[in-house]
Amino acid sequence: MYETCAFSGHRNLKEWDFDQALLDRVVLNLIKNGTENFLCGMALGFDMTAAESVIRLKDKYRVKLTAVLPCRNQSDVYSEAGKSRYKRILGCCDEVIVLSEEYYSGCMHARDRYMVENCDAVVCFLRKKGGGTYYTVNYAKKLNIPLIEL
């Protein structure tokens, strides 16, 4: 049983073999097996898609969704549609943790380390060797945090 799970995955899901139904089944299975807390880094793509999977189940199950923001202005570079989605998801979160008031080089990795250090398992969607998800998965391996790979 994992009490707290974090999410990490690629931003552009259309480029890969992403399966929404599989993600939904994994999230539901985690909840049914005792996971009560989910950490989301609020990046475009997999992070927000995974958060939405949790949100859809919040009415039926007692689960908590926490947004872990690398910086307060994370969504400034998002499109208008991305910003709207971001705000909608934040409004459904039980807690929002802001790690830095301003963006700085390395703040995304600081967010990733925070999530790994504060979870019991990482649900990941990794298809390439490089980038933030690759960094996060390797950090989890270094700390012996179990990975649930989609």
N, C-alpha and C. Protein backbone atom coordinates (compact mmCIF):
# COMPACT_ATOMS: atom_id res chain seq x y z
N MET A 1 0.84 -1.20 0.00
CA MET A 1 0.00 0.00 0.00
C MET A 1 0.87 1.25 0.00
N TYR A 2 0.52 2.20 -0.81
CA TYR A 2 1.20 3.49 -0.87
C TYR A 2 0.23 4.54 -0.37
N GLU A 3 0.58 5.24 0.70
CA GLU A 3 -0.31 6.28 1.21
C GLU A 3 -0.32 7.50 0.30
N THR A 4 0.87 7.87 -0.21
CA THR A 4 1.01 9.05 -1.06
C THR A 4 1.73 8.69 -2.36
N CYS A 5 1.15 9.08 -3.48
CA CYS A 5 1.77 8.86 -4.79
C CYS A 5 1.95 10.19 -5.50
N ALA A 6 3.05 10.30 -6.21
CA ALA A 6 3.33 11.49 -7.02
C ALA A 6 3.21 11.10 -8.50
N PHE A 7 2.97 12.10 -9.34
CA PHE A 7 2.88 11.89 -10.78
C PHE A 7 4.04 12.58 -11.49
N SER A 8 4.55 11.91 -12.53
CA SER A 8 5.56 12.54 -13.38
C SER A 8 5.45 11.95 -14.78
N GLY A 9 5.40 12.82 -15.77
CA GLY A 9 5.30 12.34 -17.15
C GLY A 9 5.54 13.46 -18.14
N HIS A 10 5.60 13.08 -19.39
CA HIS A 10 5.92 14.03 -20.46
C HIS A 10 4.81 15.06 -20.67
N ARG A 11 5.23 16.20 -21.20
CA ARG A 11 4.29 17.29 -21.48
C ARG A 11 3.45 17.02 -22.71
N ASN A 12 4.08 16.50 -23.76
CA ASN A 12 3.37 16.28 -25.02
C ASN A 12 2.93 14.82 -25.12
N LEU A 13 1.71 14.54 -24.71
CA LEU A 13 1.21 13.16 -24.71
C LEU A 13 0.86 12.66 -26.10
N LYS A 14 0.52 13.56 -27.02
CA LYS A 14 0.13 13.16 -28.38
C LYS A 14 1.30 12.54 -29.13
N GLU A 15 2.50 12.86 -28.72
CA GLU A 15 3.71 12.36 -29.38
C GLU A 15 4.00 10.90 -29.01
N TRP A 16 3.36 10.42 -27.95
CA TRP A 16 3.66 9.09 -27.42
C TRP A 16 2.41 8.22 -27.40
N ASP A 17 2.55 7.00 -26.94
CA ASP A 17 1.46 6.02 -26.88
C ASP A 17 0.69 6.12 -25.56
N PHE A 18 0.28 7.32 -25.22
CA PHE A 18 -0.40 7.54 -23.94
C PHE A 18 -1.79 6.91 -23.96
N ASP A 19 -2.16 6.25 -22.85
CA ASP A 19 -3.44 5.56 -22.72
C ASP A 19 -4.18 6.12 -21.50
N GLN A 20 -5.16 6.99 -21.75
CA GLN A 20 -5.93 7.62 -20.66
C GLN A 20 -6.64 6.58 -19.81
N ALA A 21 -7.20 5.57 -20.45
CA ALA A 21 -7.94 4.54 -19.71
C ALA A 21 -7.01 3.79 -18.75
N LEU A 22 -5.78 3.54 -19.17
CA LEU A 22 -4.82 2.88 -18.29
C LEU A 22 -4.51 3.76 -17.09
N LEU A 23 -4.27 5.04 -17.31
CA LEU A 23 -4.01 5.96 -16.21
C LEU A 23 -5.19 5.95 -15.23
N ASP A 24 -6.41 6.03 -15.75
CA ASP A 24 -7.59 6.04 -14.88
C ASP A 24 -7.68 4.75 -14.06
N ARG A 25 -7.38 3.60 -14.69
CA ARG A 25 -7.41 2.32 -13.96
C ARG A 25 -6.35 2.27 -12.88
N VAL A 26 -5.16 2.77 -13.18
CA VAL A 26 -4.07 2.77 -12.20
C VAL A 26 -4.44 3.64 -11.00
N VAL A 27 -4.97 4.84 -11.25
CA VAL A 27 -5.36 5.74 -10.16
C VAL A 27 -6.45 5.10 -9.31
N LEU A 28 -7.46 4.54 -9.95
CA LEU A 28 -8.53 3.89 -9.20
C LEU A 28 -8.01 2.71 -8.38
N ASN A 29 -7.14 1.91 -8.97
CA ASN A 29 -6.56 0.77 -8.26
C ASN A 29 -5.74 1.23 -7.05
N LEU A 30 -4.99 2.30 -7.21
CA LEU A 30 -4.23 2.84 -6.07
C LEU A 30 -5.17 3.25 -4.95
N ILE A 31 -6.23 3.95 -5.30
CA ILE A 31 -7.19 4.42 -4.30
C ILE A 31 -7.83 3.22 -3.59
N LYS A 32 -8.24 2.23 -4.37
CA LYS A 32 -8.88 1.05 -3.77
C LYS A 32 -7.92 0.26 -2.89
N ASN A 33 -6.62 0.45 -3.10
CA ASN A 33 -5.62 -0.24 -2.29
C ASN A 33 -5.02 0.66 -1.21
N GLY A 34 -5.66 1.79 -0.93
CA GLY A 34 -5.27 2.58 0.22
C GLY A 34 -4.56 3.89 -0.02
N THR A 35 -4.29 4.25 -1.27
CA THR A 35 -3.65 5.54 -1.51
C THR A 35 -4.66 6.65 -1.22
N GLU A 36 -4.26 7.58 -0.37
CA GLU A 36 -5.15 8.67 0.03
C GLU A 36 -4.70 10.03 -0.48
N ASN A 37 -3.42 10.15 -0.85
CA ASN A 37 -2.84 11.44 -1.23
C ASN A 37 -2.14 11.33 -2.58
N PHE A 38 -2.33 12.35 -3.40
CA PHE A 38 -1.65 12.41 -4.69
C PHE A 38 -0.98 13.77 -4.82
N LEU A 39 0.26 13.76 -5.31
CA LEU A 39 1.04 14.98 -5.54
C LEU A 39 1.16 15.21 -7.04
N CYS A 40 0.85 16.42 -7.45
CA CYS A 40 0.90 16.77 -8.87
C CYS A 40 1.75 18.02 -9.05
N GLY A 41 2.70 17.98 -9.98
CA GLY A 41 3.59 19.11 -10.24
C GLY A 41 2.99 20.18 -11.15
N MET A 42 1.80 19.95 -11.68
CA MET A 42 1.03 20.93 -12.46
C MET A 42 1.67 21.35 -13.78
N ALA A 43 2.54 20.51 -14.32
CA ALA A 43 3.07 20.78 -15.66
C ALA A 43 2.01 20.41 -16.68
N LEU A 44 2.09 20.99 -17.86
CA LEU A 44 1.20 20.61 -18.96
C LEU A 44 1.40 19.13 -19.27
N GLY A 45 0.42 18.53 -19.89
CA GLY A 45 0.54 17.14 -20.31
C GLY A 45 0.16 16.17 -19.21
N PHE A 46 1.04 15.23 -18.93
CA PHE A 46 0.73 14.14 -18.02
C PHE A 46 0.34 14.61 -16.62
N ASP A 47 1.06 15.58 -16.07
CA ASP A 47 0.77 16.04 -14.70
C ASP A 47 -0.69 16.46 -14.56
N MET A 48 -1.12 17.35 -15.42
CA MET A 48 -2.50 17.85 -15.30
C MET A 48 -3.52 16.78 -15.67
N THR A 49 -3.19 15.91 -16.61
CA THR A 49 -4.09 14.82 -16.98
C THR A 49 -4.27 13.86 -15.81
N ALA A 50 -3.18 13.57 -15.10
CA ALA A 50 -3.25 12.70 -13.93
C ALA A 50 -4.05 13.37 -12.81
N ALA A 51 -3.85 14.67 -12.62
CA ALA A 51 -4.63 15.40 -11.61
C ALA A 51 -6.12 15.30 -11.92
N GLU A 52 -6.48 15.42 -13.18
CA GLU A 52 -7.89 15.33 -13.58
C GLU A 52 -8.46 13.93 -13.32
N SER A 53 -7.62 12.91 -13.46
CA SER A 53 -8.06 11.55 -13.12
C SER A 53 -8.43 11.45 -11.65
N VAL A 54 -7.62 12.05 -10.80
CA VAL A 54 -7.90 12.06 -9.35
C VAL A 54 -9.16 12.87 -9.07
N ILE A 55 -9.27 14.03 -9.69
CA ILE A 55 -10.42 14.91 -9.46
C ILE A 55 -11.73 14.19 -9.79
N ARG A 56 -11.75 13.42 -10.88
CA ARG A 56 -12.97 12.70 -11.26
C ARG A 56 -13.40 11.68 -10.20
N LEU A 57 -12.48 11.26 -9.36
CA LEU A 57 -12.78 10.24 -8.34
C LEU A 57 -12.99 10.83 -6.94
N LYS A 58 -12.77 12.12 -6.80
CA LYS A 58 -12.85 12.75 -5.47
C LYS A 58 -14.25 12.72 -4.86
N ASP A 59 -15.28 12.73 -5.68
CA ASP A 59 -16.64 12.69 -5.13
C ASP A 59 -16.98 11.32 -4.55
N LYS A 60 -16.40 10.29 -5.13
CA LYS A 60 -16.73 8.92 -4.72
C LYS A 60 -15.78 8.38 -3.65
N TYR A 61 -14.54 8.84 -3.65
CA TYR A 61 -13.52 8.33 -2.73
C TYR A 61 -12.90 9.46 -1.93
N ARG A 62 -12.45 9.12 -0.74
CA ARG A 62 -11.82 10.11 0.12
C ARG A 62 -10.33 10.19 -0.22
N VAL A 63 -10.00 11.07 -1.15
CA VAL A 63 -8.61 11.26 -1.56
C VAL A 63 -8.28 12.74 -1.55
N LYS A 64 -7.01 13.01 -1.43
CA LYS A 64 -6.52 14.38 -1.36
C LYS A 64 -5.58 14.63 -2.53
N LEU A 65 -5.76 15.75 -3.20
CA LEU A 65 -4.88 16.14 -4.32
C LEU A 65 -4.13 17.39 -3.91
N THR A 66 -2.81 17.31 -3.98
CA THR A 66 -1.96 18.44 -3.65
C THR A 66 -1.18 18.88 -4.88
N ALA A 67 -1.28 20.17 -5.21
CA ALA A 67 -0.48 20.75 -6.29
C ALA A 67 0.83 21.22 -5.69
N VAL A 68 1.93 20.78 -6.27
CA VAL A 68 3.26 21.21 -5.84
C VAL A 68 3.82 22.09 -6.95
N LEU A 69 3.80 23.40 -6.71
CA LEU A 69 4.21 24.35 -7.73
C LEU A 69 5.69 24.70 -7.57
N PRO A 70 6.45 24.63 -8.66
CA PRO A 70 7.87 24.99 -8.57
C PRO A 70 8.05 26.48 -8.27
N CYS A 71 7.12 27.28 -8.80
CA CYS A 71 7.15 28.73 -8.57
C CYS A 71 5.72 29.26 -8.73
N ARG A 72 5.45 30.36 -8.10
CA ARG A 72 4.09 30.90 -8.12
C ARG A 72 3.61 31.24 -9.54
N ASN A 73 4.53 31.66 -10.40
CA ASN A 73 4.15 32.07 -11.75
C ASN A 73 4.36 30.96 -12.79
N GLN A 74 4.25 29.72 -12.37
CA GLN A 74 4.47 28.57 -13.25
C GLN A 74 3.67 28.65 -14.54
N SER A 75 2.42 29.05 -14.46
CA SER A 75 1.54 29.00 -15.63
C SER A 75 1.66 30.22 -16.54
N ASP A 76 2.53 31.16 -16.22
CA ASP A 76 2.65 32.37 -17.04
C ASP A 76 2.98 32.07 -18.51
N VAL A 77 3.70 31.00 -18.77
CA VAL A 77 4.10 30.67 -20.13
C VAL A 77 3.09 29.77 -20.85
N TYR A 78 2.02 29.37 -20.16
CA TYR A 78 1.00 28.51 -20.75
C TYR A 78 0.11 29.31 -21.69
N SER A 79 -0.50 28.62 -22.63
CA SER A 79 -1.49 29.24 -23.51
C SER A 79 -2.70 29.64 -22.66
N GLU A 80 -3.61 30.40 -23.24
CA GLU A 80 -4.82 30.78 -22.50
C GLU A 80 -5.61 29.54 -22.08
N ALA A 81 -5.71 28.56 -22.98
CA ALA A 81 -6.42 27.31 -22.64
C ALA A 81 -5.68 26.57 -21.53
N GLY A 82 -4.36 26.56 -21.60
CA GLY A 82 -3.55 25.91 -20.55
C GLY A 82 -3.71 26.60 -19.21
N LYS A 83 -3.75 27.93 -19.24
CA LYS A 83 -3.93 28.69 -17.99
C LYS A 83 -5.30 28.42 -17.39
N SER A 84 -6.31 28.33 -18.23
CA SER A 84 -7.67 28.06 -17.76
C SER A 84 -7.75 26.67 -17.11
N ARG A 85 -7.17 25.70 -17.77
CA ARG A 85 -7.14 24.33 -17.24
C ARG A 85 -6.39 24.29 -15.92
N TYR A 86 -5.26 24.97 -15.87
CA TYR A 86 -4.42 25.05 -14.67
C TYR A 86 -5.22 25.61 -13.50
N LYS A 87 -5.92 26.72 -13.73
CA LYS A 87 -6.72 27.36 -12.66
C LYS A 87 -7.85 26.44 -12.21
N ARG A 88 -8.48 25.77 -13.15
CA ARG A 88 -9.58 24.87 -12.82
C ARG A 88 -9.07 23.73 -11.93
N ILE A 89 -7.93 23.16 -12.29
CA ILE A 89 -7.35 22.06 -11.49
C ILE A 89 -6.94 22.57 -10.11
N LEU A 90 -6.28 23.73 -10.08
CA LEU A 90 -5.87 24.29 -8.77
C LEU A 90 -7.08 24.48 -7.86
N GLY A 91 -8.19 24.89 -8.44
CA GLY A 91 -9.41 25.10 -7.66
C GLY A 91 -9.97 23.81 -7.07
N CYS A 92 -9.58 22.68 -7.62
CA CYS A 92 -10.04 21.37 -7.11
C CYS A 92 -9.04 20.73 -6.15
N CYS A 93 -7.89 21.35 -6.00
CA CYS A 93 -6.86 20.78 -5.12
C CYS A 93 -7.19 21.05 -3.65
N ASP A 94 -6.82 20.12 -2.81
CA ASP A 94 -7.03 20.25 -1.37
C ASP A 94 -5.95 21.11 -0.73
N GLU A 95 -4.79 21.14 -1.39
CA GLU A 95 -3.66 21.92 -0.88
C GLU A 95 -2.81 22.35 -2.06
N VAL A 96 -2.22 23.54 -1.94
CA VAL A 96 -1.27 24.03 -2.94
C VAL A 96 0.00 24.41 -2.21
N ILE A 97 1.10 23.78 -2.61
CA ILE A 97 2.40 24.07 -2.02
C ILE A 97 3.21 24.82 -3.06
N VAL A 98 3.67 26.02 -2.72
CA VAL A 98 4.49 26.84 -3.63
C VAL A 98 5.91 26.82 -3.10
N LEU A 99 6.83 26.28 -3.90
CA LEU A 99 8.21 26.12 -3.44
C LEU A 99 9.06 27.37 -3.61
N SER A 100 8.71 28.25 -4.56
CA SER A 100 9.45 29.48 -4.77
C SER A 100 8.49 30.56 -5.26
N GLU A 101 8.69 31.77 -4.81
CA GLU A 101 7.84 32.87 -5.27
C GLU A 101 8.11 33.20 -6.74
N GLU A 102 9.34 33.05 -7.17
CA GLU A 102 9.73 33.39 -8.54
C GLU A 102 10.39 32.20 -9.22
N TYR A 103 10.30 32.18 -10.55
CA TYR A 103 11.00 31.18 -11.34
C TYR A 103 12.51 31.38 -11.19
N TYR A 104 13.25 30.30 -11.11
CA TYR A 104 14.72 30.34 -11.18
C TYR A 104 15.18 29.06 -11.86
N SER A 105 16.35 29.11 -12.44
CA SER A 105 16.90 27.93 -13.10
C SER A 105 17.05 26.82 -12.05
N GLY A 106 16.42 25.70 -12.28
CA GLY A 106 16.49 24.59 -11.33
C GLY A 106 15.25 24.43 -10.47
N CYS A 107 14.30 25.36 -10.57
CA CYS A 107 13.12 25.26 -9.70
C CYS A 107 12.24 24.06 -10.07
N MET A 108 12.24 23.67 -11.34
CA MET A 108 11.45 22.50 -11.74
C MET A 108 12.03 21.23 -11.12
N HIS A 109 13.36 21.11 -11.14
CA HIS A 109 14.01 19.95 -10.51
C HIS A 109 13.80 19.96 -9.00
N ALA A 110 13.78 21.14 -8.39
CA ALA A 110 13.52 21.24 -6.95
C ALA A 110 12.11 20.71 -6.65
N ARG A 111 11.15 21.05 -7.51
CA ARG A 111 9.79 20.55 -7.37
C ARG A 111 9.75 19.03 -7.49
N ASP A 112 10.47 18.51 -8.49
CA ASP A 112 10.50 17.07 -8.71
C ASP A 112 11.11 16.34 -7.51
N ARG A 113 12.19 16.88 -6.97
CA ARG A 113 12.82 16.26 -5.79
C ARG A 113 11.87 16.31 -4.60
N TYR A 114 11.18 17.42 -4.40
CA TYR A 114 10.24 17.55 -3.29
C TYR A 114 9.17 16.46 -3.39
N MET A 115 8.62 16.28 -4.57
CA MET A 115 7.55 15.29 -4.72
C MET A 115 8.06 13.88 -4.44
N VAL A 116 9.24 13.55 -4.97
CA VAL A 116 9.80 12.21 -4.74
C VAL A 116 10.08 12.00 -3.25
N GLU A 117 10.63 13.01 -2.61
CA GLU A 117 10.98 12.90 -1.19
C GLU A 117 9.75 12.82 -0.28
N ASN A 118 8.58 13.18 -0.81
CA ASN A 118 7.37 13.21 0.01
C ASN A 118 6.30 12.23 -0.48
N CYS A 119 6.72 11.17 -1.17
CA CYS A 119 5.76 10.18 -1.63
C CYS A 119 6.27 8.77 -1.32
N ASP A 120 5.36 7.81 -1.48
CA ASP A 120 5.69 6.40 -1.29
C ASP A 120 5.87 5.67 -2.61
N ALA A 121 5.42 6.29 -3.70
CA ALA A 121 5.56 5.72 -5.05
C ALA A 121 5.34 6.84 -6.06
N VAL A 122 5.92 6.64 -7.26
CA VAL A 122 5.76 7.59 -8.36
C VAL A 122 5.07 6.89 -9.52
N VAL A 123 3.95 7.46 -9.95
CA VAL A 123 3.27 6.99 -11.16
C VAL A 123 3.88 7.79 -12.30
N CYS A 124 4.53 7.08 -13.25
CA CYS A 124 5.25 7.81 -14.28
C CYS A 124 4.90 7.34 -15.69
N PHE A 125 5.03 8.29 -16.61
CA PHE A 125 4.87 8.03 -18.03
C PHE A 125 6.15 8.53 -18.69
N LEU A 126 7.11 7.61 -18.88
CA LEU A 126 8.44 7.95 -19.38
C LEU A 126 8.70 7.22 -20.69
N ARG A 127 9.01 8.00 -21.72
CA ARG A 127 9.28 7.42 -23.04
C ARG A 127 10.60 7.89 -23.65
N LYS A 128 11.30 8.81 -23.00
CA LYS A 128 12.56 9.28 -23.58
C LYS A 128 13.60 9.48 -22.48
N LYS A 129 14.85 9.35 -22.88
CA LYS A 129 15.95 9.50 -21.94
C LYS A 129 16.44 10.94 -21.96
N GLY A 130 15.81 11.74 -21.13
CA GLY A 130 16.13 13.15 -21.04
C GLY A 130 14.91 13.91 -20.55
N GLY A 131 15.13 15.07 -19.98
CA GLY A 131 14.04 15.91 -19.52
C GLY A 131 13.67 15.67 -18.07
N GLY A 132 12.63 16.38 -17.63
CA GLY A 132 12.24 16.37 -16.23
C GLY A 132 11.75 15.03 -15.72
N THR A 133 10.99 14.31 -16.54
CA THR A 133 10.49 13.01 -16.10
C THR A 133 11.63 12.02 -15.94
N TYR A 134 12.56 12.03 -16.87
CA TYR A 134 13.74 11.15 -16.79
C TYR A 134 14.52 11.46 -15.50
N TYR A 135 14.70 12.75 -15.21
CA TYR A 135 15.38 13.18 -13.99
C TYR A 135 14.63 12.67 -12.76
N THR A 136 13.31 12.84 -12.75
CA THR A 136 12.49 12.46 -11.60
C THR A 136 12.53 10.95 -11.37
N VAL A 137 12.39 10.18 -12.43
CA VAL A 137 12.42 8.72 -12.32
C VAL A 137 13.77 8.26 -11.78
N ASN A 138 14.85 8.83 -12.27
CA ASN A 138 16.17 8.44 -11.78
C ASN A 138 16.37 8.85 -10.32
N TYR A 139 15.83 9.99 -9.93
CA TYR A 139 15.92 10.41 -8.53
C TYR A 139 15.13 9.45 -7.64
N ALA A 140 13.96 9.04 -8.10
CA ALA A 140 13.16 8.07 -7.34
C ALA A 140 13.91 6.75 -7.19
N LYS A 141 14.55 6.29 -8.28
CA LYS A 141 15.34 5.05 -8.21
C LYS A 141 16.47 5.19 -7.20
N LYS A 142 17.13 6.34 -7.20
CA LYS A 142 18.23 6.60 -6.26
C LYS A 142 17.75 6.50 -4.81
N LEU A 143 16.51 6.94 -4.55
CA LEU A 143 15.96 6.92 -3.19
C LEU A 143 15.17 5.64 -2.91
N ASN A 144 15.19 4.69 -3.87
CA ASN A 144 14.45 3.44 -3.73
C ASN A 144 12.94 3.64 -3.56
N ILE A 145 12.41 4.64 -4.25
CA ILE A 145 10.97 4.89 -4.26
C ILE A 145 10.38 4.04 -5.40
N PRO A 146 9.39 3.22 -5.12
CA PRO A 146 8.80 2.39 -6.18
C PRO A 146 8.21 3.22 -7.32
N LEU A 147 8.33 2.67 -8.52
CA LEU A 147 7.79 3.30 -9.72
C LEU A 147 6.62 2.48 -10.25
N ILE A 148 5.57 3.16 -10.64
CA ILE A 148 4.45 2.53 -11.33
C ILE A 148 4.49 3.10 -12.74
N GLU A 149 5.03 2.32 -13.67
CA GLU A 149 5.28 2.81 -15.01
C GLU A 149 4.10 2.52 -15.93
N LEU A 150 3.64 3.55 -16.64
CA LEU A 150 2.55 3.38 -17.59
C LEU A 150 3.10 3.22 -19.00
